[in-house]
C-alpha cells in the first residue's frame, strides 16, 4: 500500500485514515471518505491536499495495478465499506467509473480521481 501512496508512509497514511474514521470502526464509510476528500481539497497546503487525495485514492486502487481504480477494486472497497452485495455488481461499478473516465480506458487514474473528487462530488 505504501507504494500506491507515493511520498506518504504507511504510518502517516494510517494516521490520516484514523483521523477521518469518525465512528472508530476502522473503516471509512461513504461519508467519512467524502469528508476526507473535501478536507483534502480545502487543506491549506498543496502538499497536504496531495497526500490526502493520494491516501483516499490508494484505498480504492487495484492492489496489483496500484496506479488505477478498476471496477473490481471499486467493488471490493465498496463491499468493505458495507455496500449491499445485491447493489454491488461489476456492471454498476463500471458505470460509476465510466462517468469520470476521461480517457475511456475503463479505469480511473489518480488525475481522473482528483477531477472526480473536486468537480464531481464537491
N, C-alpha and C. Protein backbone atom coordinates (compact mmCIF):
# COMPACT_ATOMS: atom_id res chain seq x y z
N UNK A 1 0.82 -1.19 0.00
CA UNK A 1 0.00 0.00 0.00
C UNK A 1 0.86 1.25 0.00
N UNK A 2 2.02 1.21 0.64
CA UNK A 2 2.88 2.39 0.71
C UNK A 2 3.29 2.85 -0.68
N UNK A 3 3.54 1.91 -1.60
CA UNK A 3 3.94 2.30 -2.95
C UNK A 3 2.85 3.08 -3.65
N UNK A 4 1.61 2.74 -3.42
CA UNK A 4 0.49 3.44 -4.05
C UNK A 4 0.31 4.83 -3.50
N UNK A 5 0.82 5.07 -2.30
CA UNK A 5 0.64 6.38 -1.68
C UNK A 5 1.72 7.37 -2.07
N UNK A 6 2.72 6.94 -2.79
CA UNK A 6 3.78 7.84 -3.19
C UNK A 6 4.61 8.24 -1.98
N UNK A 7 4.66 9.53 -1.67
CA UNK A 7 5.51 10.05 -0.61
C UNK A 7 4.93 9.84 0.79
N UNK A 8 3.72 9.34 0.90
CA UNK A 8 3.09 9.13 2.20
C UNK A 8 3.47 7.75 2.72
N UNK A 9 4.05 7.69 3.93
CA UNK A 9 4.40 6.42 4.53
C UNK A 9 3.19 5.72 5.10
N UNK A 10 3.36 4.44 5.42
CA UNK A 10 2.24 3.66 5.96
C UNK A 10 1.71 4.24 7.26
N UNK A 11 2.61 4.66 8.13
CA UNK A 11 2.16 5.22 9.41
C UNK A 11 1.38 6.51 9.21
N UNK A 12 1.87 7.36 8.31
CA UNK A 12 1.17 8.61 8.04
C UNK A 12 -0.19 8.36 7.39
N UNK A 13 -0.23 7.40 6.46
CA UNK A 13 -1.50 7.06 5.81
C UNK A 13 -2.49 6.52 6.84
N UNK A 14 -1.99 5.66 7.74
CA UNK A 14 -2.86 5.11 8.78
C UNK A 14 -3.38 6.22 9.69
N UNK A 15 -2.55 7.21 9.98
CA UNK A 15 -2.97 8.32 10.82
C UNK A 15 -4.03 9.17 10.13
N UNK A 16 -3.86 9.38 8.83
CA UNK A 16 -4.85 10.16 8.07
C UNK A 16 -6.19 9.44 8.05
N UNK A 17 -6.16 8.15 7.79
CA UNK A 17 -7.39 7.36 7.75
C UNK A 17 -8.02 7.30 9.14
N UNK A 18 -7.21 7.09 10.18
CA UNK A 18 -7.74 7.04 11.55
C UNK A 18 -8.40 8.35 11.93
N UNK A 19 -7.82 9.47 11.51
CA UNK A 19 -8.41 10.77 11.82
C UNK A 19 -9.75 10.96 11.10
N UNK A 20 -9.88 10.37 9.92
CA UNK A 20 -11.13 10.50 9.16
C UNK A 20 -12.20 9.52 9.61
N UNK A 21 -11.80 8.49 10.35
CA UNK A 21 -12.71 7.42 10.81
C UNK A 21 -13.49 7.92 12.04
N UNK A 22 -14.54 8.68 11.79
CA UNK A 22 -15.31 9.33 12.85
C UNK A 22 -15.94 8.33 13.81
N UNK A 23 -16.50 7.24 13.30
CA UNK A 23 -17.18 6.29 14.18
C UNK A 23 -16.24 5.26 14.80
N UNK A 24 -14.96 5.30 14.45
CA UNK A 24 -13.97 4.43 15.08
C UNK A 24 -14.07 2.96 14.76
N UNK A 25 -14.71 2.61 13.63
CA UNK A 25 -14.86 1.19 13.30
C UNK A 25 -13.68 0.63 12.49
N UNK A 26 -12.69 1.48 12.23
CA UNK A 26 -11.52 1.03 11.48
C UNK A 26 -11.70 1.07 9.98
N UNK A 27 -12.86 1.50 9.51
CA UNK A 27 -13.17 1.62 8.09
C UNK A 27 -13.66 3.03 7.78
N UNK A 28 -13.52 3.45 6.54
CA UNK A 28 -14.09 4.72 6.12
C UNK A 28 -15.38 4.42 5.37
N UNK A 29 -16.50 4.88 5.91
CA UNK A 29 -17.74 4.74 5.17
C UNK A 29 -17.81 5.84 4.12
N UNK A 30 -18.86 5.85 3.34
CA UNK A 30 -19.01 6.80 2.25
C UNK A 30 -18.86 8.24 2.73
N UNK A 31 -19.50 8.58 3.83
CA UNK A 31 -19.48 9.96 4.32
C UNK A 31 -18.11 10.34 4.90
N UNK A 32 -17.47 9.41 5.58
CA UNK A 32 -16.13 9.67 6.11
C UNK A 32 -15.14 9.87 4.96
N UNK A 33 -15.30 9.06 3.93
CA UNK A 33 -14.43 9.19 2.76
C UNK A 33 -14.63 10.54 2.08
N UNK A 34 -15.89 10.94 1.88
CA UNK A 34 -16.16 12.22 1.25
C UNK A 34 -15.62 13.37 2.09
N UNK A 35 -15.76 13.24 3.41
CA UNK A 35 -15.23 14.28 4.31
C UNK A 35 -13.72 14.39 4.16
N UNK A 36 -13.04 13.25 4.08
CA UNK A 36 -11.59 13.24 3.89
C UNK A 36 -11.23 13.92 2.57
N UNK A 37 -11.96 13.59 1.52
CA UNK A 37 -11.70 14.17 0.21
C UNK A 37 -11.96 15.67 0.22
N UNK A 38 -13.04 16.10 0.86
CA UNK A 38 -13.34 17.53 0.95
C UNK A 38 -12.25 18.27 1.70
N UNK A 39 -11.80 17.69 2.79
CA UNK A 39 -10.73 18.31 3.56
C UNK A 39 -9.45 18.38 2.73
N UNK A 40 -9.22 17.37 1.92
CA UNK A 40 -8.03 17.37 1.07
C UNK A 40 -8.08 18.52 0.08
N UNK A 41 -9.25 18.77 -0.48
CA UNK A 41 -9.39 19.86 -1.44
C UNK A 41 -9.32 21.22 -0.77
N UNK A 42 -9.67 21.31 0.51
CA UNK A 42 -9.69 22.59 1.21
C UNK A 42 -8.49 22.77 2.13
N UNK A 43 -7.59 21.80 2.15
CA UNK A 43 -6.43 21.86 3.03
C UNK A 43 -5.57 23.06 2.68
N UNK A 44 -4.90 23.63 3.66
CA UNK A 44 -4.15 24.86 3.44
C UNK A 44 -2.96 24.72 2.50
N UNK A 45 -2.31 23.58 2.45
CA UNK A 45 -1.15 23.46 1.59
C UNK A 45 -1.39 22.46 0.47
N UNK A 46 -0.76 22.70 -0.64
CA UNK A 46 -0.87 21.80 -1.78
C UNK A 46 -0.33 20.42 -1.42
N UNK A 47 0.75 20.38 -0.64
CA UNK A 47 1.35 19.12 -0.22
C UNK A 47 0.36 18.30 0.60
N UNK A 48 -0.34 18.94 1.51
CA UNK A 48 -1.32 18.25 2.35
C UNK A 48 -2.48 17.74 1.51
N UNK A 49 -2.99 18.55 0.60
CA UNK A 49 -4.08 18.13 -0.29
C UNK A 49 -3.66 16.92 -1.11
N UNK A 50 -2.45 16.98 -1.64
CA UNK A 50 -1.94 15.88 -2.47
C UNK A 50 -1.88 14.59 -1.66
N UNK A 51 -1.34 14.65 -0.44
CA UNK A 51 -1.21 13.46 0.39
C UNK A 51 -2.58 12.88 0.76
N UNK A 52 -3.52 13.74 1.10
CA UNK A 52 -4.86 13.27 1.46
C UNK A 52 -5.55 12.60 0.28
N UNK A 53 -5.45 13.21 -0.89
CA UNK A 53 -6.06 12.60 -2.07
C UNK A 53 -5.36 11.30 -2.45
N UNK A 54 -4.04 11.25 -2.31
CA UNK A 54 -3.29 10.02 -2.60
C UNK A 54 -3.73 8.90 -1.65
N UNK A 55 -3.92 9.26 -0.39
CA UNK A 55 -4.36 8.27 0.60
C UNK A 55 -5.74 7.73 0.23
N UNK A 56 -6.65 8.64 -0.08
CA UNK A 56 -8.00 8.22 -0.46
C UNK A 56 -7.96 7.37 -1.73
N UNK A 57 -7.17 7.79 -2.72
CA UNK A 57 -7.04 7.03 -3.97
C UNK A 57 -6.52 5.62 -3.70
N UNK A 58 -5.53 5.51 -2.83
CA UNK A 58 -4.91 4.22 -2.54
C UNK A 58 -5.90 3.24 -1.92
N UNK A 59 -6.90 3.76 -1.20
CA UNK A 59 -7.90 2.88 -0.61
C UNK A 59 -8.69 2.14 -1.69
N UNK A 60 -8.89 2.77 -2.82
CA UNK A 60 -9.70 2.20 -3.90
C UNK A 60 -8.87 1.57 -5.02
N UNK A 61 -7.59 1.88 -5.07
CA UNK A 61 -6.76 1.42 -6.19
C UNK A 61 -6.59 -0.09 -6.18
N UNK A 62 -6.41 -0.64 -7.36
CA UNK A 62 -6.18 -2.06 -7.54
C UNK A 62 -4.84 -2.42 -6.90
N UNK A 63 -4.83 -3.47 -6.09
CA UNK A 63 -3.62 -3.88 -5.37
C UNK A 63 -2.50 -4.23 -6.35
N UNK A 64 -2.82 -4.86 -7.45
CA UNK A 64 -1.80 -5.28 -8.41
C UNK A 64 -1.40 -4.15 -9.37
N UNK A 65 -2.34 -3.27 -9.68
CA UNK A 65 -2.08 -2.19 -10.66
C UNK A 65 -2.08 -0.84 -9.95
N UNK A 66 -1.47 -0.67 -8.87
CA UNK A 66 -1.61 0.42 -7.93
C UNK A 66 -1.74 1.83 -8.51
N UNK A 67 -1.80 1.94 -9.78
CA UNK A 67 -1.90 3.26 -10.39
C UNK A 67 -3.31 3.59 -10.86
N UNK A 68 -4.28 2.71 -10.62
CA UNK A 68 -5.63 2.99 -11.10
C UNK A 68 -6.69 2.29 -10.25
N UNK A 69 -7.89 2.81 -10.35
CA UNK A 69 -9.05 2.19 -9.72
C UNK A 69 -9.78 1.42 -10.81
N UNK A 70 -9.88 0.12 -10.63
CA UNK A 70 -10.56 -0.73 -11.59
C UNK A 70 -11.98 -1.00 -11.09
N UNK A 71 -12.86 -1.49 -11.96
CA UNK A 71 -14.20 -1.86 -11.48
C UNK A 71 -14.12 -2.89 -10.35
N UNK A 72 -13.18 -3.82 -10.47
CA UNK A 72 -13.03 -4.85 -9.45
C UNK A 72 -12.57 -4.26 -8.11
N UNK A 73 -11.58 -3.34 -8.16
CA UNK A 73 -11.09 -2.75 -6.90
C UNK A 73 -12.14 -1.83 -6.28
N UNK A 74 -12.93 -1.17 -7.12
CA UNK A 74 -14.02 -0.33 -6.60
C UNK A 74 -15.07 -1.22 -5.92
N UNK A 75 -15.41 -2.31 -6.56
CA UNK A 75 -16.39 -3.26 -5.99
C UNK A 75 -15.89 -3.80 -4.65
N UNK A 76 -14.61 -4.17 -4.59
CA UNK A 76 -14.01 -4.69 -3.36
C UNK A 76 -14.10 -3.65 -2.23
N UNK A 77 -13.70 -2.42 -2.52
CA UNK A 77 -13.68 -1.40 -1.47
C UNK A 77 -15.09 -1.03 -1.04
N UNK A 78 -16.01 -0.89 -1.96
CA UNK A 78 -17.39 -0.56 -1.59
C UNK A 78 -17.99 -1.68 -0.74
N UNK A 79 -17.61 -2.92 -1.05
CA UNK A 79 -18.06 -4.05 -0.22
C UNK A 79 -17.51 -3.95 1.19
N UNK A 80 -16.25 -3.56 1.32
CA UNK A 80 -15.65 -3.39 2.64
C UNK A 80 -16.29 -2.25 3.41
N UNK A 81 -16.81 -1.28 2.68
CA UNK A 81 -17.47 -0.14 3.32
C UNK A 81 -18.92 -0.44 3.67
N UNK A 82 -19.39 -1.63 3.32
CA UNK A 82 -20.72 -2.04 3.72
C UNK A 82 -21.81 -1.87 2.68
N UNK A 83 -21.44 -1.66 1.42
CA UNK A 83 -22.46 -1.57 0.38
C UNK A 83 -23.17 -2.91 0.25
N UNK A 84 -24.49 -2.91 0.10
CA UNK A 84 -25.24 -4.17 -0.03
C UNK A 84 -24.77 -4.96 -1.25
N UNK A 85 -24.47 -6.25 -1.09
CA UNK A 85 -23.95 -7.07 -2.19
C UNK A 85 -24.85 -7.07 -3.42
N UNK A 86 -26.16 -7.02 -3.23
CA UNK A 86 -27.07 -7.05 -4.38
C UNK A 86 -26.97 -5.77 -5.23
N UNK A 87 -26.43 -4.71 -4.68
CA UNK A 87 -26.27 -3.46 -5.43
C UNK A 87 -24.83 -3.25 -5.86
N UNK A 88 -24.04 -4.29 -5.80
CA UNK A 88 -22.61 -4.15 -5.99
C UNK A 88 -22.08 -4.94 -7.17
N UNK A 89 -22.85 -5.01 -8.23
CA UNK A 89 -22.41 -5.75 -9.40
C UNK A 89 -21.28 -5.05 -10.13
N UNK A 90 -20.54 -5.81 -10.89
CA UNK A 90 -19.43 -5.26 -11.66
C UNK A 90 -19.93 -4.23 -12.68
N UNK A 91 -21.10 -4.47 -13.24
CA UNK A 91 -21.64 -3.51 -14.22
C UNK A 91 -21.92 -2.15 -13.57
N UNK A 92 -22.42 -2.15 -12.34
CA UNK A 92 -22.67 -0.89 -11.63
C UNK A 92 -21.35 -0.16 -11.35
N UNK A 93 -20.33 -0.92 -11.00
CA UNK A 93 -19.02 -0.32 -10.73
C UNK A 93 -18.42 0.24 -12.02
N UNK A 94 -18.60 -0.47 -13.13
CA UNK A 94 -18.13 0.03 -14.43
C UNK A 94 -18.83 1.34 -14.78
N UNK A 95 -20.14 1.40 -14.52
CA UNK A 95 -20.90 2.62 -14.81
C UNK A 95 -20.43 3.79 -13.94
N UNK A 96 -20.12 3.51 -12.68
CA UNK A 96 -19.63 4.56 -11.78
C UNK A 96 -18.30 5.11 -12.28
N UNK A 97 -17.42 4.21 -12.72
CA UNK A 97 -16.11 4.63 -13.22
C UNK A 97 -16.25 5.37 -14.54
N UNK A 98 -17.13 4.90 -15.40
CA UNK A 98 -17.32 5.49 -16.73
C UNK A 98 -17.63 6.98 -16.66
N UNK A 99 -18.35 7.38 -15.65
CA UNK A 99 -18.75 8.79 -15.52
C UNK A 99 -17.55 9.73 -15.44
N UNK A 100 -16.44 9.27 -14.86
CA UNK A 100 -15.27 10.13 -14.68
C UNK A 100 -14.03 9.63 -15.42
N UNK A 101 -14.21 8.60 -16.23
CA UNK A 101 -13.11 8.03 -17.01
C UNK A 101 -12.87 8.91 -18.23
N UNK A 102 -12.02 9.90 -18.09
CA UNK A 102 -11.82 10.92 -19.12
C UNK A 102 -11.17 10.39 -20.39
N UNK A 103 -10.31 9.37 -20.28
CA UNK A 103 -9.65 8.86 -21.48
C UNK A 103 -10.28 7.58 -22.01
N UNK A 104 -11.34 7.10 -21.37
CA UNK A 104 -12.08 5.95 -21.87
C UNK A 104 -11.38 4.60 -21.75
N UNK A 105 -10.40 4.47 -20.84
CA UNK A 105 -9.70 3.20 -20.72
C UNK A 105 -10.35 2.24 -19.72
N UNK A 106 -11.47 2.63 -19.13
CA UNK A 106 -12.21 1.73 -18.25
C UNK A 106 -11.75 1.71 -16.80
N UNK A 107 -10.77 2.53 -16.47
CA UNK A 107 -10.26 2.64 -15.09
C UNK A 107 -10.07 4.12 -14.76
N UNK A 108 -9.91 4.40 -13.46
CA UNK A 108 -9.65 5.78 -13.04
C UNK A 108 -8.19 5.93 -12.63
N UNK A 109 -7.50 6.86 -13.29
CA UNK A 109 -6.15 7.21 -12.88
C UNK A 109 -6.26 8.18 -11.70
N UNK A 110 -5.13 8.49 -11.09
CA UNK A 110 -5.16 9.45 -9.99
C UNK A 110 -5.71 10.79 -10.46
N UNK A 111 -5.30 11.24 -11.65
CA UNK A 111 -5.77 12.55 -12.15
C UNK A 111 -7.28 12.54 -12.37
N UNK A 112 -7.82 11.45 -12.89
CA UNK A 112 -9.28 11.35 -13.07
C UNK A 112 -9.99 11.32 -11.72
N UNK A 113 -9.40 10.63 -10.75
CA UNK A 113 -9.93 10.59 -9.39
C UNK A 113 -9.94 11.99 -8.79
N UNK A 114 -8.85 12.73 -8.99
CA UNK A 114 -8.75 14.10 -8.47
C UNK A 114 -9.85 14.97 -9.07
N UNK A 115 -10.07 14.86 -10.36
CA UNK A 115 -11.13 15.62 -11.03
C UNK A 115 -12.49 15.23 -10.45
N UNK A 116 -12.71 13.92 -10.27
CA UNK A 116 -13.97 13.43 -9.71
C UNK A 116 -14.20 14.02 -8.31
N UNK A 117 -13.17 13.99 -7.47
CA UNK A 117 -13.31 14.48 -6.11
C UNK A 117 -13.52 15.98 -6.07
N UNK A 118 -12.89 16.68 -6.98
CA UNK A 118 -13.01 18.14 -6.99
C UNK A 118 -14.29 18.61 -7.68
N UNK A 119 -14.51 18.13 -8.89
CA UNK A 119 -15.63 18.61 -9.70
C UNK A 119 -16.90 17.79 -9.58
N UNK A 120 -16.75 16.48 -9.38
CA UNK A 120 -17.90 15.60 -9.43
C UNK A 120 -18.68 15.49 -8.13
N UNK A 121 -18.00 15.57 -7.00
CA UNK A 121 -18.67 15.32 -5.74
C UNK A 121 -18.79 16.55 -4.85
N UNK A 122 -17.98 17.54 -5.08
CA UNK A 122 -17.97 18.70 -4.17
C UNK A 122 -18.85 19.82 -4.66
